[in-house]
Amino acid sequence: MMNLSSLSKAQYANMASLGLFAILLTLEVIFYGFNFLLLMGLINFAFAWIVFVNIRWARESIAHVASV
């Protein structure tokens, strides 16, 4: 098994949570409609996406600095 860095583990966990969250938000809209809590969930989803993108950017930066 491959040794994963903590950033890789965080990125994989974030990908899994984003996927599950997207599925559950879709089901919530289908069964309960749109409400304030759904809006808060969408904002939470946006913040999780920002974290995902920033982790990817950090990994690429670290790889670039390490290769110099």
N, C-alpha and C. Protein backbone atom coordinates (compact mmCIF):
# COMPACT_ATOMS: atom_id res chain seq x y z
N MET A 1 0.83 -1.18 0.00
CA MET A 1 0.00 0.00 0.00
C MET A 1 0.87 1.24 0.00
N MET A 2 0.40 2.25 -0.70
CA MET A 2 1.18 3.48 -0.85
C MET A 2 1.03 4.36 0.40
N ASN A 3 2.13 4.99 0.83
CA ASN A 3 2.09 5.93 1.93
C ASN A 3 1.56 7.26 1.41
N LEU A 4 0.46 7.72 1.95
CA LEU A 4 -0.13 8.97 1.51
C LEU A 4 0.25 10.09 2.47
N SER A 5 0.49 11.28 1.92
CA SER A 5 0.76 12.42 2.77
C SER A 5 -0.54 12.88 3.42
N SER A 6 -0.41 13.69 4.45
CA SER A 6 -1.61 14.18 5.13
C SER A 6 -2.44 15.06 4.21
N LEU A 7 -1.81 15.79 3.29
CA LEU A 7 -2.56 16.59 2.32
C LEU A 7 -3.33 15.70 1.36
N SER A 8 -2.73 14.59 0.95
CA SER A 8 -3.43 13.65 0.07
C SER A 8 -4.63 13.04 0.78
N LYS A 9 -4.44 12.65 2.04
CA LYS A 9 -5.53 12.08 2.81
C LYS A 9 -6.66 13.09 2.97
N ALA A 10 -6.29 14.34 3.26
CA ALA A 10 -7.31 15.39 3.41
C ALA A 10 -8.05 15.61 2.10
N GLN A 11 -7.33 15.56 0.99
CA GLN A 11 -7.97 15.77 -0.30
C GLN A 11 -8.93 14.63 -0.64
N TYR A 12 -8.53 13.38 -0.38
CA TYR A 12 -9.41 12.25 -0.64
C TYR A 12 -10.65 12.29 0.26
N ALA A 13 -10.45 12.64 1.53
CA ALA A 13 -11.59 12.75 2.44
C ALA A 13 -12.52 13.86 1.99
N ASN A 14 -11.96 14.96 1.53
CA ASN A 14 -12.77 16.08 1.06
C ASN A 14 -13.54 15.69 -0.20
N MET A 15 -12.92 14.95 -1.11
CA MET A 15 -13.61 14.50 -2.31
C MET A 15 -14.78 13.59 -1.95
N ALA A 16 -14.57 12.68 -1.02
CA ALA A 16 -15.64 11.78 -0.61
C ALA A 16 -16.78 12.55 0.05
N SER A 17 -16.45 13.50 0.91
CA SER A 17 -17.49 14.26 1.58
C SER A 17 -18.24 15.17 0.60
N LEU A 18 -17.54 15.74 -0.38
CA LEU A 18 -18.21 16.56 -1.39
C LEU A 18 -19.18 15.73 -2.22
N GLY A 19 -18.77 14.53 -2.60
CA GLY A 19 -19.65 13.66 -3.38
C GLY A 19 -20.88 13.27 -2.59
N LEU A 20 -20.69 12.84 -1.35
CA LEU A 20 -21.82 12.45 -0.51
C LEU A 20 -22.73 13.63 -0.24
N PHE A 21 -22.14 14.78 0.01
CA PHE A 21 -22.90 15.98 0.29
C PHE A 21 -23.74 16.39 -0.92
N ALA A 22 -23.18 16.29 -2.12
CA ALA A 22 -23.92 16.63 -3.34
C ALA A 22 -25.12 15.70 -3.53
N ILE A 23 -24.91 14.42 -3.29
CA ILE A 23 -26.00 13.45 -3.42
C ILE A 23 -27.11 13.75 -2.41
N LEU A 24 -26.73 14.00 -1.17
CA LEU A 24 -27.72 14.25 -0.13
C LEU A 24 -28.45 15.57 -0.35
N LEU A 25 -27.75 16.60 -0.84
CA LEU A 25 -28.43 17.86 -1.14
C LEU A 25 -29.45 17.68 -2.26
N THR A 26 -29.10 16.90 -3.27
CA THR A 26 -30.04 16.62 -4.36
C THR A 26 -31.27 15.90 -3.83
N LEU A 27 -31.07 14.90 -2.99
CA LEU A 27 -32.20 14.18 -2.41
C LEU A 27 -33.06 15.09 -1.54
N GLU A 28 -32.42 15.99 -0.82
CA GLU A 28 -33.17 16.91 0.03
C GLU A 28 -34.06 17.83 -0.80
N VAL A 29 -33.54 18.32 -1.91
CA VAL A 29 -34.34 19.17 -2.78
C VAL A 29 -35.51 18.39 -3.36
N ILE A 30 -35.26 17.14 -3.77
CA ILE A 30 -36.32 16.31 -4.35
C ILE A 30 -37.43 16.04 -3.33
N PHE A 31 -37.06 15.69 -2.10
CA PHE A 31 -38.06 15.29 -1.12
C PHE A 31 -38.66 16.44 -0.31
N TYR A 32 -37.86 17.50 -0.03
CA TYR A 32 -38.34 18.55 0.86
C TYR A 32 -38.43 19.93 0.20
N GLY A 33 -37.90 20.10 -0.98
CA GLY A 33 -37.94 21.40 -1.62
C GLY A 33 -36.83 22.31 -1.10
N PHE A 34 -36.88 23.56 -1.53
CA PHE A 34 -35.85 24.52 -1.16
C PHE A 34 -36.26 25.26 0.11
N ASN A 35 -35.33 25.40 1.04
CA ASN A 35 -35.58 26.15 2.27
C ASN A 35 -34.28 26.78 2.75
N PHE A 36 -34.36 27.47 3.89
CA PHE A 36 -33.20 28.17 4.42
C PHE A 36 -32.06 27.23 4.77
N LEU A 37 -32.37 26.08 5.34
CA LEU A 37 -31.31 25.13 5.70
C LEU A 37 -30.59 24.60 4.46
N LEU A 38 -31.31 24.46 3.37
CA LEU A 38 -30.67 24.04 2.13
C LEU A 38 -29.70 25.12 1.65
N LEU A 39 -30.11 26.37 1.79
CA LEU A 39 -29.21 27.47 1.42
C LEU A 39 -27.93 27.42 2.26
N MET A 40 -28.07 27.14 3.55
CA MET A 40 -26.89 27.02 4.41
C MET A 40 -26.03 25.83 3.96
N GLY A 41 -26.67 24.76 3.54
CA GLY A 41 -25.93 23.60 3.03
C GLY A 41 -25.18 23.92 1.76
N LEU A 42 -25.79 24.72 0.89
CA LEU A 42 -25.11 25.11 -0.34
C LEU A 42 -23.90 26.00 -0.05
N ILE A 43 -24.03 26.88 0.93
CA ILE A 43 -22.89 27.71 1.33
C ILE A 43 -21.78 26.83 1.90
N ASN A 44 -22.16 25.85 2.71
CA ASN A 44 -21.19 24.90 3.27
C ASN A 44 -20.49 24.13 2.15
N PHE A 45 -21.26 23.72 1.15
CA PHE A 45 -20.70 23.01 0.00
C PHE A 45 -19.68 23.89 -0.73
N ALA A 46 -20.00 25.17 -0.90
CA ALA A 46 -19.08 26.10 -1.56
C ALA A 46 -17.78 26.24 -0.77
N PHE A 47 -17.88 26.34 0.54
CA PHE A 47 -16.67 26.42 1.36
C PHE A 47 -15.84 25.14 1.29
N ALA A 48 -16.51 23.99 1.26
CA ALA A 48 -15.78 22.73 1.13
C ALA A 48 -15.08 22.66 -0.22
N TRP A 49 -15.71 23.17 -1.27
CA TRP A 49 -15.08 23.19 -2.59
C TRP A 49 -13.84 24.09 -2.58
N ILE A 50 -13.94 25.22 -1.90
CA ILE A 50 -12.79 26.13 -1.79
C ILE A 50 -11.63 25.43 -1.08
N VAL A 51 -11.93 24.69 -0.02
CA VAL A 51 -10.89 23.93 0.70
C VAL A 51 -10.26 22.91 -0.24
N PHE A 52 -11.08 22.20 -1.01
CA PHE A 52 -10.58 21.21 -1.96
C PHE A 52 -9.62 21.85 -2.96
N VAL A 53 -10.00 22.97 -3.53
CA VAL A 53 -9.16 23.65 -4.52
C VAL A 53 -7.87 24.15 -3.87
N ASN A 54 -7.95 24.67 -2.66
CA ASN A 54 -6.75 25.17 -1.99
C ASN A 54 -5.80 24.05 -1.60
N ILE A 55 -6.32 22.89 -1.23
CA ILE A 55 -5.44 21.75 -0.93
C ILE A 55 -4.72 21.31 -2.20
N ARG A 56 -5.45 21.27 -3.32
CA ARG A 56 -4.82 20.91 -4.58
C ARG A 56 -3.71 21.91 -4.94
N TRP A 57 -3.99 23.19 -4.75
CA TRP A 57 -3.01 24.23 -5.05
C TRP A 57 -1.79 24.08 -4.14
N ALA A 58 -2.01 23.77 -2.86
CA ALA A 58 -0.90 23.59 -1.91
C ALA A 58 -0.05 22.39 -2.31
N ARG A 59 -0.68 21.29 -2.71
CA ARG A 59 0.08 20.11 -3.13
C ARG A 59 0.93 20.41 -4.35
N GLU A 60 0.37 21.13 -5.32
CA GLU A 60 1.14 21.48 -6.51
C GLU A 60 2.30 22.41 -6.18
N SER A 61 2.07 23.37 -5.28
CA SER A 61 3.13 24.28 -4.86
C SER A 61 4.26 23.54 -4.15
N ILE A 62 3.89 22.62 -3.26
CA ILE A 62 4.90 21.86 -2.53
C ILE A 62 5.69 20.98 -3.50
N ALA A 63 5.02 20.36 -4.45
CA ALA A 63 5.71 19.53 -5.44
C ALA A 63 6.66 20.37 -6.29
N HIS A 64 6.23 21.58 -6.64
CA HIS A 64 7.08 22.45 -7.44
C HIS A 64 8.31 22.89 -6.66
N VAL A 65 8.12 23.27 -5.40
CA VAL A 65 9.25 23.70 -4.57
C VAL A 65 10.19 22.54 -4.31
N ALA A 66 9.66 21.34 -4.11
CA ALA A 66 10.48 20.16 -3.84
C ALA A 66 11.30 19.76 -5.06
N SER A 67 10.82 20.09 -6.26
CA SER A 67 11.55 19.68 -7.46
C SER A 67 12.67 20.64 -7.83
N VAL A 68 12.75 21.78 -7.16
CA VAL A 68 13.79 22.77 -7.48
C VAL A 68 15.11 22.35 -6.91
